[in-house]
Amino acid sequence: MNNFSEQDFAKFPICVDLDGTLWAGDCLWLCARNFLKRYPFRFFQLFLWWHKGRTHLKHNLLKDVSFDPKKLLFFPEILQYLFWLKEQGAKLYLVTGSDQQIADKVSGFLNIFEDAFGSTLGNNLVGEKKAALLNKMFGSKKYIYFGNEWKDRLVWQHSIAAGAVNVDKKTLEWLGSQPIYTRRFICKS
């Protein structure tokens, strides 16, 4: 949007991804690694769960391992910016492909989000499914989305602005070709 500027960020709901956006890692693989450390002889169970679908794997891992958001190394630049937006009156929402239990724990730990939305059994909240949820909640072009990867373009195409965290060249070029204000973040983990 040509008339949009960074000063407008606090005027819109801000929807933030977790993996790769708030921190450099992936909660699914963190949980899988913790599962294998605890139960090394149940390695093949991961494949059985995966075969039933990604959400089945995410959900079942959390039955056997505990997830502690305090152990995530959040990007300080992103957190600082989100806390500043919150002080400006912005409404923040955590919207992640990670399991809903993880979304709830991260949201409770950071204490800056109005609500948290994550994947549930049979509903992997990524790409078009994430865009559909946000469009239903806020309306197309009526929210800002913070993401980090190519598949996030499926959400950004419906956003009024983008927070682009550590995006690759292809994704950055795509964002540059769109009529969307983009705030780029380069974070070190």
C-alpha atoms as a PDB file:
ATOM      1  CA  MET A   1       0.000   0.000   0.000  1.00  0.00           C
ATOM      2  CA  ASN A   2       1.474   3.319  -1.061  1.00  0.00           C
ATOM      3  CA  ASN A   3      -0.151   5.316   1.749  1.00  0.00           C
ATOM      4  CA  PHE A   4       0.816   2.868   4.477  1.00  0.00           C
ATOM      5  CA  SER A   5       3.773   3.644   6.720  1.00  0.00           C
ATOM      6  CA  GLU A   6       5.380   2.084   9.756  1.00  0.00           C
ATOM      7  CA  GLN A   7       3.481   4.525  11.983  1.00  0.00           C
ATOM      8  CA  ASP A   8       0.301   2.721  10.905  1.00  0.00           C
ATOM      9  CA  PHE A   9       1.399  -0.656  12.335  1.00  0.00           C
ATOM     10  CA  ALA A  10      -0.260  -0.134  15.727  1.00  0.00           C
ATOM     11  CA  LYS A  11      -3.599   0.657  14.049  1.00  0.00           C
ATOM     12  CA  PHE A  12      -4.119  -2.876  12.754  1.00  0.00           C
ATOM     13  CA  PRO A  13      -4.230  -6.334  14.359  1.00  0.00           C
ATOM     14  CA  ILE A  14      -0.735  -7.800  14.212  1.00  0.00           C
ATOM     15  CA  CYS A  15      -0.528 -11.535  13.634  1.00  0.00           C
ATOM     16  CA  VAL A  16       2.811 -13.158  14.406  1.00  0.00           C
ATOM     17  CA  ASP A  17       4.177 -16.548  13.377  1.00  0.00           C
ATOM     18  CA  LEU A  18       6.309 -18.485  15.876  1.00  0.00           C
ATOM     19  CA  ASP A  19       8.866 -20.776  14.220  1.00  0.00           C
ATOM     20  CA  GLY A  20      11.473 -18.815  12.293  1.00  0.00           C
ATOM     21  CA  THR A  21       9.789 -15.522  13.184  1.00  0.00           C
ATOM     22  CA  LEU A  22       9.870 -15.204  16.980  1.00  0.00           C
ATOM     23  CA  TRP A  23      12.784 -17.606  17.238  1.00  0.00           C
ATOM     24  CA  ALA A  24      15.141 -19.313  14.781  1.00  0.00           C
ATOM     25  CA  GLY A  25      14.070 -22.904  15.414  1.00  0.00           C
ATOM     26  CA  ASP A  26      11.102 -25.177  14.801  1.00  0.00           C
ATOM     27  CA  CYS A  27       9.015 -26.403  17.743  1.00  0.00           C
ATOM     28  CA  LEU A  28       8.092 -29.649  15.988  1.00  0.00           C
ATOM     29  CA  TRP A  29      11.722 -30.677  15.604  1.00  0.00           C
ATOM     30  CA  LEU A  30      12.549 -29.471  19.108  1.00  0.00           C
ATOM     31  CA  CYS A  31       9.825 -31.738  20.501  1.00  0.00           C
ATOM     32  CA  ALA A  32      10.919 -34.646  18.262  1.00  0.00           C
ATOM     33  CA  ARG A  33      14.502 -34.293  19.463  1.00  0.00           C
ATOM     34  CA  ASN A  34      13.364 -34.226  23.101  1.00  0.00           C
ATOM     35  CA  PHE A  35      11.179 -37.275  22.458  1.00  0.00           C
ATOM     36  CA  LEU A  36      14.120 -39.218  20.995  1.00  0.00           C
ATOM     37  CA  LYS A  37      16.374 -38.248  23.893  1.00  0.00           C
ATOM     38  CA  ARG A  38      13.797 -39.526  26.335  1.00  0.00           C
ATOM     39  CA  TYR A  39      12.618 -42.544  24.328  1.00  0.00           C
ATOM     40  CA  PRO A  40      15.387 -43.560  21.907  1.00  0.00           C
ATOM     41  CA  PHE A  41      13.841 -46.991  21.313  1.00  0.00           C
ATOM     42  CA  ARG A  42      10.547 -45.452  20.131  1.00  0.00           C
ATOM     43  CA  PHE A  43      12.172 -43.925  17.025  1.00  0.00           C
ATOM     44  CA  PHE A  44       9.832 -45.711  14.614  1.00  0.00           C
ATOM     45  CA  GLN A  45       6.797 -44.358  16.441  1.00  0.00           C
ATOM     46  CA  LEU A  46       7.646 -40.944  15.003  1.00  0.00           C
ATOM     47  CA  PHE A  47       7.271 -42.365  11.496  1.00  0.00           C
ATOM     48  CA  LEU A  48       3.938 -43.941  12.359  1.00  0.00           C
ATOM     49  CA  TRP A  49       2.610 -40.649  13.680  1.00  0.00           C
ATOM     50  CA  TRP A  50       4.053 -38.766  10.684  1.00  0.00           C
ATOM     51  CA  HIS A  51       2.383 -41.235   8.324  1.00  0.00           C
ATOM     52  CA  LYS A  52      -0.987 -40.301   9.853  1.00  0.00           C
ATOM     53  CA  GLY A  53      -0.293 -36.630   9.149  1.00  0.00           C
ATOM     54  CA  ARG A  54       1.791 -33.736  10.365  1.00  0.00           C
ATOM     55  CA  THR A  55      -0.819 -32.602  12.907  1.00  0.00           C
ATOM     56  CA  HIS A  56      -1.008 -36.136  14.294  1.00  0.00           C
ATOM     57  CA  LEU A  57       2.763 -36.078  14.847  1.00  0.00           C
ATOM     58  CA  LYS A  58       2.653 -32.630  16.485  1.00  0.00           C
ATOM     59  CA  HIS A  59      -0.193 -33.583  18.788  1.00  0.00           C
ATOM     60  CA  ASN A  60       1.166 -36.979  19.861  1.00  0.00           C
ATOM     61  CA  LEU A  61       4.661 -35.717  20.604  1.00  0.00           C
ATOM     62  CA  LEU A  62       3.229 -33.427  23.254  1.00  0.00           C
ATOM     63  CA  LYS A  63       1.666 -36.394  25.049  1.00  0.00           C
ATOM     64  CA  ASP A  64       5.160 -37.709  25.813  1.00  0.00           C
ATOM     65  CA  VAL A  65       7.342 -34.607  26.133  1.00  0.00           C
ATOM     66  CA  SER A  66       6.829 -31.349  27.929  1.00  0.00           C
ATOM     67  CA  PHE A  67       7.304 -28.092  26.096  1.00  0.00           C
ATOM     68  CA  ASP A  68       8.882 -25.207  27.981  1.00  0.00           C
ATOM     69  CA  PRO A  69       8.749 -21.817  26.202  1.00  0.00           C
ATOM     70  CA  LYS A  70      11.445 -20.491  28.559  1.00  0.00           C
ATOM     71  CA  LYS A  71      13.943 -22.605  26.625  1.00  0.00           C
ATOM     72  CA  LEU A  72      13.280 -20.848  23.310  1.00  0.00           C
ATOM     73  CA  LEU A  73      15.845 -18.247  22.301  1.00  0.00           C
ATOM     74  CA  PHE A  74      13.507 -15.539  21.058  1.00  0.00           C
ATOM     75  CA  PHE A  75      14.849 -12.885  18.690  1.00  0.00           C
ATOM     76  CA  PRO A  76      15.306  -9.829  20.945  1.00  0.00           C
ATOM     77  CA  GLU A  77      14.775  -7.423  18.028  1.00  0.00           C
ATOM     78  CA  ILE A  78      11.349  -8.879  17.275  1.00  0.00           C
ATOM     79  CA  LEU A  79      10.238  -9.044  20.897  1.00  0.00           C
ATOM     80  CA  GLN A  80      11.349  -5.487  21.544  1.00  0.00           C
ATOM     81  CA  TYR A  81       9.427  -4.281  18.498  1.00  0.00           C
ATOM     82  CA  LEU A  82       6.301  -6.234  19.448  1.00  0.00           C
ATOM     83  CA  PHE A  83       6.413  -4.910  23.026  1.00  0.00           C
ATOM     84  CA  TRP A  84       6.730  -1.388  21.607  1.00  0.00           C
ATOM     85  CA  LEU A  85       3.731  -1.959  19.311  1.00  0.00           C
ATOM     86  CA  LYS A  86       1.753  -3.273  22.275  1.00  0.00           C
ATOM     87  CA  GLU A  87       2.588  -0.075  24.190  1.00  0.00           C
ATOM     88  CA  GLN A  88       1.279   1.891  21.198  1.00  0.00           C
ATOM     89  CA  GLY A  89      -2.067   0.108  21.551  1.00  0.00           C
ATOM     90  CA  ALA A  90      -1.649  -2.640  18.945  1.00  0.00           C
ATOM     91  CA  LYS A  91      -3.534  -5.907  19.371  1.00  0.00           C
ATOM     92  CA  LEU A  92      -1.131  -8.829  18.885  1.00  0.00           C
ATOM     93  CA  TYR A  93      -2.069 -12.405  17.976  1.00  0.00           C
ATOM     94  CA  LEU A  94       0.147 -15.486  17.885  1.00  0.00           C
ATOM     95  CA  VAL A  95      -0.758 -17.527  14.792  1.00  0.00           C
ATOM     96  CA  THR A  96       1.444 -20.572  14.275  1.00  0.00           C
ATOM     97  CA  GLY A  97       1.634 -23.918  12.566  1.00  0.00           C
ATOM     98  CA  SER A  98       2.902 -25.351  15.849  1.00  0.00           C
ATOM     99  CA  ASP A  99       0.409 -27.289  17.956  1.00  0.00           C
ATOM    100  CA  GLN A 100      -2.233 -25.300  19.836  1.00  0.00           C
ATOM    101  CA  GLN A 101      -0.722 -26.426  23.170  1.00  0.00           C
ATOM    102  CA  ILE A 102       2.580 -24.811  22.183  1.00  0.00           C
ATOM    103  CA  ALA A 103       0.827 -21.654  20.976  1.00  0.00           C
ATOM    104  CA  ASP A 104      -0.964 -21.361  24.328  1.00  0.00           C
ATOM    105  CA  LYS A 105       2.231 -21.884  26.343  1.00  0.00           C
ATOM    106  CA  VAL A 106       4.242 -19.343  24.323  1.00  0.00           C
ATOM    107  CA  SER A 107       1.406 -16.830  24.498  1.00  0.00           C
ATOM    108  CA  GLY A 108       1.094 -17.246  28.267  1.00  0.00           C
ATOM    109  CA  PHE A 109       4.849 -16.952  28.735  1.00  0.00           C
ATOM    110  CA  LEU A 110       5.292 -13.792  26.645  1.00  0.00           C
ATOM    111  CA  ASN A 111       2.048 -12.234  27.903  1.00  0.00           C
ATOM    112  CA  ILE A 112       1.664  -9.813  24.982  1.00  0.00           C
ATOM    113  CA  PHE A 113      -0.868 -11.628  22.786  1.00  0.00           C
ATOM    114  CA  GLU A 114      -4.622 -11.149  22.843  1.00  0.00           C
ATOM    115  CA  ASP A 115      -5.057 -14.749  21.729  1.00  0.00           C
ATOM    116  CA  ALA A 116      -3.100 -17.664  20.281  1.00  0.00           C
ATOM    117  CA  PHE A 117      -3.983 -19.934  17.379  1.00  0.00           C
ATOM    118  CA  GLY A 118      -2.140 -23.129  16.477  1.00  0.00           C
ATOM    119  CA  SER A 119      -2.561 -26.405  14.646  1.00  0.00           C
ATOM    120  CA  THR A 120      -5.039 -28.963  15.906  1.00  0.00           C
ATOM    121  CA  LEU A 121      -5.613 -32.570  14.856  1.00  0.00           C
ATOM    122  CA  GLY A 122      -6.540 -32.457  11.178  1.00  0.00           C
ATOM    123  CA  ASN A 123      -5.933 -28.707  10.795  1.00  0.00           C
ATOM    124  CA  ASN A 124      -2.336 -27.728  10.070  1.00  0.00           C
ATOM    125  CA  LEU A 125      -2.533 -23.950  10.480  1.00  0.00           C
ATOM    126  CA  VAL A 126      -0.130 -22.892   7.727  1.00  0.00           C
ATOM    127  CA  GLY A 127      -0.372 -21.163   4.347  1.00  0.00           C
ATOM    128  CA  GLU A 128      -3.886 -20.920   2.954  1.00  0.00           C
ATOM    129  CA  LYS A 129      -5.481 -22.238   6.159  1.00  0.00           C
ATOM    130  CA  LYS A 130      -3.758 -19.520   8.169  1.00  0.00           C
ATOM    131  CA  ALA A 131      -4.839 -16.878   5.632  1.00  0.00           C
ATOM    132  CA  ALA A 132      -8.440 -18.133   5.732  1.00  0.00           C
ATOM    133  CA  LEU A 133      -8.520 -17.893   9.539  1.00  0.00           C
ATOM    134  CA  LEU A 134      -7.102 -14.356   9.567  1.00  0.00           C
ATOM    135  CA  ASN A 135      -9.376 -13.196   6.753  1.00  0.00           C
ATOM    136  CA  LYS A 136     -12.373 -14.569   8.669  1.00  0.00           C
ATOM    137  CA  MET A 137     -11.252 -12.889  11.904  1.00  0.00           C
ATOM    138  CA  PHE A 138     -10.209  -9.498  10.546  1.00  0.00           C
ATOM    139  CA  GLY A 139     -10.979  -9.278   6.821  1.00  0.00           C
ATOM    140  CA  SER A 140      -8.581  -9.249   3.896  1.00  0.00           C
ATOM    141  CA  LYS A 141      -6.166  -6.286   3.939  1.00  0.00           C
ATOM    142  CA  LYS A 142      -7.149  -5.476   7.541  1.00  0.00           C
ATOM    143  CA  TYR A 143      -4.269  -7.086   9.437  1.00  0.00           C
ATOM    144  CA  ILE A 144      -0.478  -7.213   9.461  1.00  0.00           C
ATOM    145  CA  TYR A 145       1.357 -10.506   9.334  1.00  0.00           C
ATOM    146  CA  PHE A 146       4.868 -11.241  10.618  1.00  0.00           C
ATOM    147  CA  GLY A 147       6.403 -14.283   8.939  1.00  0.00           C
ATOM    148  CA  ASN A 148       9.695 -15.618   7.681  1.00  0.00           C
ATOM    149  CA  GLU A 149       9.392 -17.900   4.685  1.00  0.00           C
ATOM    150  CA  TRP A 150       8.160 -18.417   1.147  1.00  0.00           C
ATOM    151  CA  LYS A 151       4.869 -20.089   2.132  1.00  0.00           C
ATOM    152  CA  ASP A 152       3.976 -17.010   4.187  1.00  0.00           C
ATOM    153  CA  ARG A 153       3.259 -15.199   0.911  1.00  0.00           C
ATOM    154  CA  LEU A 154      -0.091 -17.017   1.021  1.00  0.00           C
ATOM    155  CA  VAL A 155      -0.893 -14.926   4.100  1.00  0.00           C
ATOM    156  CA  TRP A 156       0.946 -11.742   3.078  1.00  0.00           C
ATOM    157  CA  GLN A 157      -1.090 -11.471  -0.121  1.00  0.00           C
ATOM    158  CA  HIS A 158      -4.108 -10.794   2.129  1.00  0.00           C
ATOM    159  CA  SER A 159      -2.255  -8.526   4.595  1.00  0.00           C
ATOM    160  CA  ILE A 160      -2.062  -4.755   4.538  1.00  0.00           C
ATOM    161  CA  ALA A 161       1.585  -4.912   5.625  1.00  0.00           C
ATOM    162  CA  ALA A 162       4.301  -7.456   6.281  1.00  0.00           C
ATOM    163  CA  GLY A 163       6.848  -8.029   8.976  1.00  0.00           C
ATOM    164  CA  ALA A 164       9.504 -10.050   7.145  1.00  0.00           C
ATOM    165  CA  VAL A 165      11.943 -11.821   9.474  1.00  0.00           C
ATOM    166  CA  ASN A 166      15.150 -13.259   8.005  1.00  0.00           C
ATOM    167  CA  VAL A 167      13.464 -13.919   4.659  1.00  0.00           C
ATOM    168  CA  ASP A 168      15.462 -15.344   1.786  1.00  0.00           C
ATOM    169  CA  LYS A 169      16.146 -13.461  -1.452  1.00  0.00           C
ATOM    170  CA  LYS A 170      13.277 -15.102  -3.367  1.00  0.00           C
ATOM    171  CA  THR A 171      10.735 -14.174  -0.679  1.00  0.00           C
ATOM    172  CA  LEU A 172      12.113 -10.643  -0.354  1.00  0.00           C
ATOM    173  CA  GLU A 173      11.866 -10.137  -4.126  1.00  0.00           C
ATOM    174  CA  TRP A 174       8.276 -11.400  -4.090  1.00  0.00           C
ATOM    175  CA  LEU A 175       7.392  -8.983  -1.276  1.00  0.00           C
ATOM    176  CA  GLY A 176       9.045  -6.161  -3.237  1.00  0.00           C
ATOM    177  CA  SER A 177       6.846  -6.921  -6.237  1.00  0.00           C
ATOM    178  CA  GLN A 178       3.636  -6.668  -4.175  1.00  0.00           C
ATOM    179  CA  PRO A 179       1.632  -3.559  -3.267  1.00  0.00           C
ATOM    180  CA  ILE A 180       2.340  -4.172   0.410  1.00  0.00           C
ATOM    181  CA  TYR A 181       4.362  -2.199   2.927  1.00  0.00           C
ATOM    182  CA  THR A 182       7.170  -4.406   4.242  1.00  0.00           C
ATOM    183  CA  ARG A 183       9.180  -3.930   7.425  1.00  0.00           C
ATOM    184  CA  ARG A 184      12.250  -6.169   7.160  1.00  0.00           C
ATOM    185  CA  PHE A 185      14.035  -7.635  10.177  1.00  0.00           C
ATOM    186  CA  ILE A 186      17.430  -9.314  10.076  1.00  0.00           C
ATOM    187  CA  CYS A 187      17.929 -11.174  13.350  1.00  0.00           C
ATOM    188  CA  LYS A 188      20.793 -13.211  14.715  1.00  0.00           C
ATOM    189  CA  SER A 189      20.088 -16.352  16.699  1.00  0.00           C
END
